[in-house]
PDB file of N, CA and C in Angstrom:
ATOM      1  N   MET A   1     -17.511  -0.573  -8.257  1.00  0.00           N
ATOM      2  CA  MET A   1     -16.828  -1.570  -8.511  1.00  0.00           C
ATOM      3  C   MET A   1     -15.953  -1.313  -9.907  1.00  0.00           C
ATOM      4  N   PHE A   2     -15.087  -2.017 -10.094  1.00  0.00           N
ATOM      5  CA  PHE A   2     -13.755  -1.538 -10.941  1.00  0.00           C
ATOM      6  C   PHE A   2     -13.841  -2.957 -12.036  1.00  0.00           C
ATOM      7  N   PRO A   3     -13.935  -2.671 -13.235  1.00  0.00           N
ATOM      8  CA  PRO A   3     -14.274  -4.324 -13.639  1.00  0.00           C
ATOM      9  C   PRO A   3     -13.031  -4.806 -14.069  1.00  0.00           C
ATOM     10  N   LEU A   4     -11.815  -3.821 -13.699  1.00  0.00           N
ATOM     11  CA  LEU A   4     -10.734  -4.578 -14.382  1.00  0.00           C
ATOM     12  C   LEU A   4     -10.209  -5.737 -13.330  1.00  0.00           C
ATOM     13  N   LEU A   5     -10.637  -5.526 -12.239  1.00  0.00           N
ATOM     14  CA  LEU A   5     -10.455  -6.078 -11.031  1.00  0.00           C
ATOM     15  C   LEU A   5     -10.687  -7.350 -10.630  1.00  0.00           C
ATOM     16  N   LYS A   6     -11.662  -7.616 -11.600  1.00  0.00           N
ATOM     17  CA  LYS A   6     -12.593  -8.748 -11.486  1.00  0.00           C
ATOM     18  C   LYS A   6     -11.815 -10.022 -11.722  1.00  0.00           C
ATOM     19  N   GLY A   7     -11.030 -10.561 -12.127  1.00  0.00           N
ATOM     20  CA  GLY A   7      -9.300 -11.349 -12.968  1.00  0.00           C
ATOM     21  C   GLY A   7      -8.265 -10.563 -12.860  1.00  0.00           C
ATOM     22  N   ASP A   8      -7.435 -11.276 -13.122  1.00  0.00           N
ATOM     23  CA  ASP A   8      -6.011 -11.365 -13.049  1.00  0.00           C
ATOM     24  C   ASP A   8      -5.900 -10.941 -14.893  1.00  0.00           C
ATOM     25  N   PHE A   9      -6.026  -9.451 -15.061  1.00  0.00           N
ATOM     26  CA  PHE A   9      -5.537  -9.233 -16.417  1.00  0.00           C
ATOM     27  C   PHE A   9      -4.645  -8.907 -16.499  1.00  0.00           C
ATOM     28  N   SER A  10      -3.797  -8.646 -15.774  1.00  0.00           N
ATOM     29  CA  SER A  10      -2.286  -7.870 -16.000  1.00  0.00           C
ATOM     30  C   SER A  10      -1.287  -9.063 -16.887  1.00  0.00           C
ATOM     31  N   PHE A  11      -1.953 -10.539 -17.053  1.00  0.00           N
ATOM     32  CA  PHE A  11      -0.875 -11.554 -17.419  1.00  0.00           C
ATOM     33  C   PHE A  11      -1.267 -11.545 -18.831  1.00  0.00           C
ATOM     34  N   ILE A  12      -2.592 -10.833 -19.501  1.00  0.00           N
ATOM     35  CA  ILE A  12      -2.585 -10.996 -20.904  1.00  0.00           C
ATOM     36  C   ILE A  12      -2.227  -9.711 -20.993  1.00  0.00           C
ATOM     37  N   PHE A  13      -2.451  -8.238 -20.169  1.00  0.00           N
ATOM     38  CA  PHE A  13      -2.176  -6.948 -20.894  1.00  0.00           C
ATOM     39  C   PHE A  13      -0.354  -6.957 -20.647  1.00  0.00           C
ATOM     40  N   PHE A  14       0.446  -7.514 -20.200  1.00  0.00           N
ATOM     41  CA  PHE A  14       1.471  -7.464 -20.308  1.00  0.00           C
ATOM     42  C   PHE A  14       2.407  -8.601 -21.233  1.00  0.00           C
ATOM     43  N   GLN A  15       1.781  -9.286 -21.634  1.00  0.00           N
ATOM     44  CA  GLN A  15       2.215 -10.422 -22.733  1.00  0.00           C
ATOM     45  C   GLN A  15       2.151  -9.637 -24.232  1.00  0.00           C
ATOM     46  N   ILE A  16       0.760  -8.886 -23.991  1.00  0.00           N
ATOM     47  CA  ILE A  16       0.954  -7.821 -25.417  1.00  0.00           C
ATOM     48  C   ILE A  16       1.691  -7.034 -25.330  1.00  0.00           C
ATOM     49  N   ASN A  17       2.126  -6.130 -23.806  1.00  0.00           N
ATOM     50  CA  ASN A  17       3.221  -4.833 -23.985  1.00  0.00           C
ATOM     51  C   ASN A  17       4.121  -5.324 -23.068  1.00  0.00           C
ATOM     52  N   PRO A  18       5.025  -6.173 -22.900  1.00  0.00           N
ATOM     53  CA  PRO A  18       5.682  -5.879 -21.376  1.00  0.00           C
ATOM     54  C   PRO A  18       6.184  -4.754 -21.120  1.00  0.00           C
ATOM     55  N   GLY A  19       6.602  -4.086 -22.008  1.00  0.00           N
ATOM     56  CA  GLY A  19       7.304  -2.603 -21.293  1.00  0.00           C
ATOM     57  C   GLY A  19       5.870  -1.443 -20.565  1.00  0.00           C
ATOM     58  N   GLY A  20       4.808  -1.882 -21.108  1.00  0.00           N
ATOM     59  CA  GLY A  20       3.338  -0.970 -20.340  1.00  0.00           C
ATOM     60  C   GLY A  20       2.752  -1.049 -19.283  1.00  0.00           C
ATOM     61  N   LYS A  21       3.570  -1.740 -18.452  1.00  0.00           N
ATOM     62  CA  LYS A  21       2.986  -2.059 -17.009  1.00  0.00           C
ATOM     63  C   LYS A  21       3.058  -0.291 -16.590  1.00  0.00           C
ATOM     64  N   HIS A  22       4.543   0.229 -16.061  1.00  0.00           N
ATOM     65  CA  HIS A  22       4.553   1.463 -15.798  1.00  0.00           C
ATOM     66  C   HIS A  22       3.555   2.804 -16.666  1.00  0.00           C
ATOM     67  N   TYR A  23       3.316   2.304 -17.697  1.00  0.00           N
ATOM     68  CA  TYR A  23       2.327   3.311 -18.509  1.00  0.00           C
ATOM     69  C   TYR A  23       0.732   3.086 -17.836  1.00  0.00           C
ATOM     70  N   PHE A  24       0.703   1.768 -17.853  1.00  0.00           N
ATOM     71  CA  PHE A  24      -0.868   1.059 -17.613  1.00  0.00           C
ATOM     72  C   PHE A  24      -1.218   2.053 -15.938  1.00  0.00           C
ATOM     73  N   SER A  25      -0.090   1.494 -15.303  1.00  0.00           N
ATOM     74  CA  SER A  25      -0.349   2.299 -13.837  1.00  0.00           C
ATOM     75  C   SER A  25      -0.777   3.475 -14.088  1.00  0.00           C
ATOM     76  N   LEU A  26      -0.034   4.629 -14.395  1.00  0.00           N
ATOM     77  CA  LEU A  26      -0.138   5.639 -14.333  1.00  0.00           C
ATOM     78  C   LEU A  26      -1.860   6.007 -15.162  1.00  0.00           C
ATOM     79  N   VAL A  27      -1.771   5.305 -16.334  1.00  0.00           N
ATOM     80  CA  VAL A  27      -3.182   5.815 -16.881  1.00  0.00           C
ATOM     81  C   VAL A  27      -4.430   5.615 -15.727  1.00  0.00           C
ATOM     82  N   TYR A  28      -4.197   4.365 -15.175  1.00  0.00           N
ATOM     83  CA  TYR A  28      -5.439   3.774 -14.352  1.00  0.00           C
ATOM     84  C   TYR A  28      -5.554   4.592 -13.190  1.00  0.00           C
ATOM     85  N   LYS A  29      -4.156   5.362 -12.729  1.00  0.00           N
ATOM     86  CA  LYS A  29      -4.090   6.221 -11.471  1.00  0.00           C
ATOM     87  C   LYS A  29      -4.911   7.411 -11.948  1.00  0.00           C
ATOM     88  N   ASN A  30      -4.775   8.136 -13.214  1.00  0.00           N
ATOM     89  CA  ASN A  30      -5.520   9.065 -13.848  1.00  0.00           C
ATOM     90  C   ASN A  30      -6.514   9.043 -13.946  1.00  0.00           C
ATOM     91  N   PHE A  31      -7.145   8.075 -14.270  1.00  0.00           N
ATOM     92  CA  PHE A  31      -8.868   7.367 -14.587  1.00  0.00           C
ATOM     93  C   PHE A  31      -9.328   7.285 -13.293  1.00  0.00           C
ATOM     94  N   TYR A  32      -8.985   6.539 -12.237  1.00  0.00           N
ATOM     95  CA  TYR A  32      -9.809   6.618 -11.155  1.00  0.00           C
ATOM     96  C   TYR A  32      -9.249   6.697  -9.589  1.00  0.00           C
ATOM     97  N   ASN A  33      -7.972   7.696  -9.714  1.00  0.00           N
ATOM     98  CA  ASN A  33      -7.274   8.216  -9.034  1.00  0.00           C
ATOM     99  C   ASN A  33      -6.997   7.806  -7.974  1.00  0.00           C
ATOM    100  N   ARG A  34      -6.686   6.563  -7.938  1.00  0.00           N
ATOM    101  CA  ARG A  34      -6.298   5.451  -7.083  1.00  0.00           C
ATOM    102  C   ARG A  34      -5.174   4.279  -7.590  1.00  0.00           C
ATOM    103  N   THR A  35      -4.739   3.709  -7.137  1.00  0.00           N
ATOM    104  CA  THR A  35      -3.530   3.026  -7.683  1.00  0.00           C
ATOM    105  C   THR A  35      -4.312   1.783  -7.956  1.00  0.00           C
ATOM    106  N   VAL A  36      -3.493   0.962  -8.946  1.00  0.00           N
ATOM    107  CA  VAL A  36      -3.917  -0.816  -9.274  1.00  0.00           C
ATOM    108  C   VAL A  36      -3.850  -1.241  -7.742  1.00  0.00           C
ATOM    109  N   ASP A  37      -3.168  -1.149  -7.366  1.00  0.00           N
ATOM    110  CA  ASP A  37      -3.029  -1.885  -6.026  1.00  0.00           C
ATOM    111  C   ASP A  37      -3.541  -1.429  -4.951  1.00  0.00           C
ATOM    112  N   GLN A  38      -4.293  -0.165  -4.294  1.00  0.00           N
ATOM    113  CA  GLN A  38      -4.694   0.087  -3.593  1.00  0.00           C
ATOM    114  C   GLN A  38      -5.892  -0.814  -4.039  1.00  0.00           C
ATOM    115  N   ASP A  39      -6.720  -0.729  -5.158  1.00  0.00           N
ATOM    116  CA  ASP A  39      -8.079  -1.465  -5.376  1.00  0.00           C
ATOM    117  C   ASP A  39      -7.956  -2.957  -5.721  1.00  0.00           C
ATOM    118  N   GLN A  40      -6.710  -3.873  -6.198  1.00  0.00           N
ATOM    119  CA  GLN A  40      -6.346  -4.729  -5.636  1.00  0.00           C
ATOM    120  C   GLN A  40      -6.671  -5.421  -4.248  1.00  0.00           C
ATOM    121  N   GLN A  41      -5.523  -4.369  -3.362  1.00  0.00           N
ATOM    122  CA  GLN A  41      -5.940  -4.570  -1.766  1.00  0.00           C
ATOM    123  C   GLN A  41      -7.463  -4.612  -1.257  1.00  0.00           C
ATOM    124  N   ASP A  42      -8.262  -3.544  -2.004  1.00  0.00           N
ATOM    125  CA  ASP A  42      -9.457  -3.408  -1.567  1.00  0.00           C
ATOM    126  C   ASP A  42     -10.827  -4.638  -2.148  1.00  0.00           C
ATOM    127  N   PHE A  43     -10.509  -4.912  -3.126  1.00  0.00           N
ATOM    128  CA  PHE A  43     -10.979  -6.491  -3.631  1.00  0.00           C
ATOM    129  C   PHE A  43     -11.123  -7.217  -2.711  1.00  0.00           C
ATOM    130  N   ARG A  44      -9.396  -7.680  -2.645  1.00  0.00           N
ATOM    131  CA  ARG A  44      -9.207  -9.101  -1.852  1.00  0.00           C
ATOM    132  C   ARG A  44      -9.718  -9.068  -0.136  1.00  0.00           C
ATOM    133  N   ILE A  45      -9.989  -7.769   0.028  1.00  0.00           N
ATOM    134  CA  ILE A  45     -10.455  -7.114   1.753  1.00  0.00           C
ATOM    135  C   ILE A  45     -12.174  -7.784   1.384  1.00  0.00           C
ATOM    136  N   ARG A  46     -12.783  -7.137   0.472  1.00  0.00           N
ATOM    137  CA  ARG A  46     -13.759  -7.457   0.493  1.00  0.00           C
ATOM    138  C   ARG A  46     -14.004  -8.643   0.265  1.00  0.00           C
ATOM    139  N   ARG A  47     -13.329  -9.621  -0.679  1.00  0.00           N
ATOM    140  CA  ARG A  47     -13.887 -10.735  -0.917  1.00  0.00           C
ATOM    141  C   ARG A  47     -13.470 -11.664   0.305  1.00  0.00           C
ATOM    142  N   ALA A  48     -12.836 -11.292   1.011  1.00  0.00           N
ATOM    143  CA  ALA A  48     -12.532 -11.960   2.263  1.00  0.00           C
ATOM    144  C   ALA A  48     -13.726 -11.807   3.554  1.00  0.00           C
ATOM    145  N   CYS A  49     -14.110 -10.437   3.449  1.00  0.00           N
ATOM    146  CA  CYS A  49     -15.013 -10.548   3.900  1.00  0.00           C
ATOM    147  C   CYS A  49     -16.230 -11.037   3.573  1.00  0.00           C
ATOM    148  N   SER A  50     -16.210 -10.996   2.571  1.00  0.00           N
ATOM    149  CA  SER A  50     -17.501 -12.224   2.436  1.00  0.00           C
ATOM    150  C   SER A  50     -17.454 -13.717   2.879  1.00  0.00           C
ATOM    151  N   LEU A  51     -15.850 -14.189   2.774  1.00  0.00           N
ATOM    152  CA  LEU A  51     -15.527 -15.114   3.212  1.00  0.00           C
ATOM    153  C   LEU A  51     -15.850 -15.562   4.349  1.00  0.00           C
ATOM    154  N   LEU A  52     -15.549 -14.693   5.420  1.00  0.00           N
ATOM    155  CA  LEU A  52     -15.770 -14.453   6.504  1.00  0.00           C
ATOM    156  C   LEU A  52     -17.273 -14.606   7.096  1.00  0.00           C
ATOM    157  N   LYS A  53     -18.175 -14.126   6.928  1.00  0.00           N
ATOM    158  CA  LYS A  53     -19.244 -14.060   6.839  1.00  0.00           C
ATOM    159  C   LYS A  53     -20.171 -15.315   6.436  1.00  0.00           C
ATOM    160  N   GLU A  54     -19.489 -15.540   5.286  1.00  0.00           N
ATOM    161  CA  GLU A  54     -20.390 -17.141   4.643  1.00  0.00           C
ATOM    162  C   GLU A  54     -19.161 -18.228   5.160  1.00  0.00           C
ATOM    163  N   THR A  55     -18.504 -18.344   5.387  1.00  0.00           N
ATOM    164  CA  THR A  55     -17.719 -19.873   5.915  1.00  0.00           C
ATOM    165  C   THR A  55     -17.467 -20.247   7.247  1.00  0.00           C
ATOM    166  N   GLU A  56     -16.818 -20.974   7.334  1.00  0.00           N
ATOM    167  CA  GLU A  56     -16.294 -21.435   9.116  1.00  0.00           C
ATOM    168  C   GLU A  56     -15.033 -21.784   8.595  1.00  0.00           C
ATOM    169  N   LEU A  57     -14.158 -20.918   7.260  1.00  0.00           N
ATOM    170  CA  LEU A  57     -12.684 -21.604   6.877  1.00  0.00           C
ATOM    171  C   LEU A  57     -11.805 -20.557   8.346  1.00  0.00           C
ATOM    172  N   PRO A  58     -11.053 -21.497   8.117  1.00  0.00           N
ATOM    173  CA  PRO A  58      -9.898 -20.558   8.728  1.00  0.00           C
ATOM    174  C   PRO A  58      -9.649 -19.243   8.292  1.00  0.00           C
ATOM    175  N   VAL A  59      -8.680 -18.172   9.271  1.00  0.00           N
ATOM    176  CA  VAL A  59      -8.534 -16.932   9.254  1.00  0.00           C
ATOM    177  C   VAL A  59      -6.948 -17.284   7.822  1.00  0.00           C
ATOM    178  N   SER A  60      -6.566 -18.337   8.450  1.00  0.00           N
ATOM    179  CA  SER A  60      -5.480 -18.555   7.314  1.00  0.00           C
ATOM    180  C   SER A  60      -5.646 -19.180   6.196  1.00  0.00           C
ATOM    181  N   ASP A  61      -6.579 -20.086   5.931  1.00  0.00           N
ATOM    182  CA  ASP A  61      -6.660 -20.457   4.756  1.00  0.00           C
ATOM    183  C   ASP A  61      -7.442 -19.239   3.860  1.00  0.00           C
ATOM    184  N   ILE A  62      -8.155 -18.035   4.618  1.00  0.00           N
ATOM    185  CA  ILE A  62      -8.874 -17.233   3.803  1.00  0.00           C
ATOM    186  C   ILE A  62      -7.965 -16.490   3.072  1.00  0.00           C
ATOM    187  N   SER A  63      -7.027 -16.065   4.086  1.00  0.00           N
ATOM    188  CA  SER A  63      -5.993 -14.957   3.820  1.00  0.00           C
ATOM    189  C   SER A  63      -5.494 -15.746   2.518  1.00  0.00           C
ATOM    190  N   ARG A  64      -4.910 -16.757   2.400  1.00  0.00           N
ATOM    191  CA  ARG A  64      -4.557 -17.742   1.129  1.00  0.00           C
ATOM    192  C   ARG A  64      -5.300 -17.591   0.056  1.00  0.00           C
ATOM    193  N   SER A  65      -6.617 -17.793   0.083  1.00  0.00           N
ATOM    194  CA  SER A  65      -7.276 -17.680  -0.841  1.00  0.00           C
ATOM    195  C   SER A  65      -8.051 -16.426  -1.726  1.00  0.00           C
ATOM    196  N   VAL A  66      -7.567 -15.138  -1.257  1.00  0.00           N
ATOM    197  CA  VAL A  66      -7.436 -13.884  -1.509  1.00  0.00           C
ATOM    198  C   VAL A  66      -6.552 -13.366  -1.660  1.00  0.00           C
ATOM    199  N   GLY A  67      -5.249 -14.250  -1.426  1.00  0.00           N
ATOM    200  CA  GLY A  67      -3.706 -13.642  -2.389  1.00  0.00           C
ATOM    201  C   GLY A  67      -2.825 -13.528  -1.733  1.00  0.00           C
ATOM    202  N   TYR A  68      -2.931 -13.682   0.116  1.00  0.00           N
ATOM    203  CA  TYR A  68      -2.177 -13.174   0.763  1.00  0.00           C
ATOM    204  C   TYR A  68      -1.326 -14.680   1.584  1.00  0.00           C
ATOM    205  N   ASP A  69      -0.229 -14.682   1.479  1.00  0.00           N
ATOM    206  CA  ASP A  69       0.490 -16.557   1.711  1.00  0.00           C
ATOM    207  C   ASP A  69       0.534 -15.874   3.240  1.00  0.00           C
ATOM    208  N   ASP A  70       1.222 -14.737   3.734  1.00  0.00           N
ATOM    209  CA  ASP A  70       0.957 -14.457   4.867  1.00  0.00           C
ATOM    210  C   ASP A  70       0.138 -13.831   5.776  1.00  0.00           C
ATOM    211  N   ALA A  71      -0.471 -14.749   6.844  1.00  0.00           N
ATOM    212  CA  ALA A  71      -2.026 -14.624   7.304  1.00  0.00           C
ATOM    213  C   ALA A  71      -1.643 -13.095   8.803  1.00  0.00           C
ATOM    214  N   LEU A  72      -0.234 -13.382   8.654  1.00  0.00           N
ATOM    215  CA  LEU A  72      -0.128 -12.103   9.905  1.00  0.00           C
ATOM    216  C   LEU A  72      -0.320 -10.772   9.110  1.00  0.00           C
ATOM    217  N   TYR A  73       0.320 -10.656   8.134  1.00  0.00           N
ATOM    218  CA  TYR A  73       0.654  -9.734   7.099  1.00  0.00           C
ATOM    219  C   TYR A  73      -0.973  -9.269   7.031  1.00  0.00           C
ATOM    220  N   PHE A  74      -2.211 -10.376   6.120  1.00  0.00           N
ATOM    221  CA  PHE A  74      -3.386 -10.034   5.990  1.00  0.00           C
ATOM    222  C   PHE A  74      -4.217  -9.779   7.385  1.00  0.00           C
ATOM    223  N   SER A  75      -3.941 -10.250   8.011  1.00  0.00           N
ATOM    224  CA  SER A  75      -4.536  -9.426   9.471  1.00  0.00           C
ATOM    225  C   SER A  75      -4.274  -8.309   9.661  1.00  0.00           C
ATOM    226  N   ARG A  76      -3.150  -7.702   9.723  1.00  0.00           N
ATOM    227  CA  ARG A  76      -2.772  -6.395   9.851  1.00  0.00           C
ATOM    228  C   ARG A  76      -3.371  -5.609   8.733  1.00  0.00           C
ATOM    229  N   LEU A  77      -3.559  -5.621   7.286  1.00  0.00           N
ATOM    230  CA  LEU A  77      -4.064  -5.399   6.374  1.00  0.00           C
ATOM    231  C   LEU A  77      -5.617  -5.161   6.968  1.00  0.00           C
ATOM    232  N   PHE A  78      -6.219  -6.163   7.091  1.00  0.00           N
ATOM    233  CA  PHE A  78      -7.783  -5.894   7.124  1.00  0.00           C
ATOM    234  C   PHE A  78      -7.790  -5.502   8.430  1.00  0.00           C
ATOM    235  N   ARG A  79      -7.232  -5.377   9.911  1.00  0.00           N
ATOM    236  CA  ARG A  79      -7.018  -4.627  10.836  1.00  0.00           C
ATOM    237  C   ARG A  79      -6.826  -3.007  10.355  1.00  0.00           C
ATOM    238  N   GLN A  80      -6.255  -3.132   9.021  1.00  0.00           N
ATOM    239  CA  GLN A  80      -5.918  -1.353   8.673  1.00  0.00           C
ATOM    240  C   GLN A  80      -7.248  -0.883   8.196  1.00  0.00           C
ATOM    241  N   LYS A  81      -7.770  -1.701   7.245  1.00  0.00           N
ATOM    242  CA  LYS A  81      -8.881  -1.264   6.434  1.00  0.00           C
ATOM    243  C   LYS A  81     -10.016  -1.330   6.986  1.00  0.00           C
ATOM    244  N   LYS A  82     -10.538  -2.525   8.029  1.00  0.00           N
ATOM    245  CA  LYS A  82     -11.757  -2.345   8.927  1.00  0.00           C
ATOM    246  C   LYS A  82     -11.692  -2.466   9.874  1.00  0.00           C
ATOM    247  N   GLY A  83     -11.120  -2.147  10.768  1.00  0.00           N
ATOM    248  CA  GLY A  83     -10.616  -1.240  12.155  1.00  0.00           C
ATOM    249  C   GLY A  83     -10.675  -2.501  13.215  1.00  0.00           C
ATOM    250  N   ARG A  84     -11.123  -3.661  12.670  1.00  0.00           N
ATOM    251  CA  ARG A  84     -10.833  -4.708  13.076  1.00  0.00           C
ATOM    252  C   ARG A  84     -10.529  -5.759  12.591  1.00  0.00           C
ATOM    253  N   THR A  85      -9.642  -6.846  13.551  1.00  0.00           N
ATOM    254  CA  THR A  85      -9.229  -8.214  13.056  1.00  0.00           C
ATOM    255  C   THR A  85     -10.406  -9.043  12.611  1.00  0.00           C
ATOM    256  N   PRO A  86      -9.713  -9.391  11.680  1.00  0.00           N
ATOM    257  CA  PRO A  86     -10.675 -10.658  10.564  1.00  0.00           C
ATOM    258  C   PRO A  86     -11.317 -11.617  11.871  1.00  0.00           C
ATOM    259  N   THR A  87     -10.990 -11.874  12.938  1.00  0.00           N
ATOM    260  CA  THR A  87     -11.745 -12.647  13.775  1.00  0.00           C
ATOM    261  C   THR A  87     -12.905 -11.892  14.593  1.00  0.00           C
ATOM    262  N   GLN A  88     -12.156 -10.984  14.703  1.00  0.00           N
ATOM    263  CA  GLN A  88     -13.492 -10.091  15.493  1.00  0.00           C
ATOM    264  C   GLN A  88     -14.908  -9.231  14.473  1.00  0.00           C
ATOM    265  N   TYR A  89     -14.428  -9.256  13.031  1.00  0.00           N
ATOM    266  CA  TYR A  89     -15.227  -8.851  12.205  1.00  0.00           C
ATOM    267  C   TYR A  89     -16.044 -10.128  12.110  1.00  0.00           C
ATOM    268  N   ARG A  90     -15.886 -11.166  11.858  1.00  0.00           N
ATOM    269  CA  ARG A  90     -16.379 -12.450  11.299  1.00  0.00           C
ATOM    270  C   ARG A  90     -17.501 -12.634  12.904  1.00  0.00           C
ATOM    271  N   LYS A  91     -17.280 -12.408  14.096  1.00  0.00           N
ATOM    272  CA  LYS A  91     -18.048 -12.603  14.997  1.00  0.00           C
ATOM    273  C   LYS A  91     -18.989 -11.248  15.430  1.00  0.00           C
ATOM    274  N   GLU A  92     -18.629  -9.968  14.942  1.00  0.00           N
ATOM    275  CA  GLU A  92     -19.522  -8.998  14.793  1.00  0.00           C
ATOM    276  C   GLU A  92     -21.237  -9.415  13.556  1.00  0.00           C
ATOM    277  N   LYS A  93     -20.457  -9.949  12.556  1.00  0.00           N
ATOM    278  CA  LYS A  93     -20.984 -10.122  11.495  1.00  0.00           C
ATOM    279  C   LYS A  93     -22.156 -11.433  12.022  1.00  0.00           C
ATOM    280  N   ALA A  94     -21.668 -12.365  12.934  1.00  0.00           N
ATOM    281  CA  ALA A  94     -22.372 -13.610  12.898  1.00  0.00           C
ATOM    282  C   ALA A  94     -23.697 -12.851  14.117  1.00  0.00           C
ATOM    283  N   LEU A  95     -23.117 -11.881  14.771  1.00  0.00           N
ATOM    284  CA  LEU A  95     -24.001 -11.508  15.710  1.00  0.00           C
ATOM    285  C   LEU A  95     -25.833 -10.648  14.797  1.00  0.00           C
ATOM    286  N   GLU A  96     -24.890 -10.162  13.824  1.00  0.00           N
ATOM    287  CA  GLU A  96     -26.402  -9.256  13.054  1.00  0.00           C
ATOM    288  C   GLU A  96     -27.218 -10.541  12.403  1.00  0.00           C
TER     289      GLU A  96
END
């Protein structure tokens, strides 16, 4: 897990160096061989998986709680990353 993604670090970093967003993205990609956006998506999907397993919250609430206002977009992204919809994921994990 990448320690920078545990919170919203961009607010502090970019207040100090507002022109450094592009530079930071390049350094991050060179260091981790992944983009910040890729890691942020993966972090959000992992968090959603936890919420799907541990709660009975509706998928729309989970999508908002992990940073996606559009539940349909979240469901598509989730399916792309996990190979099944959030609802299917929840049902499978309930059987385990």
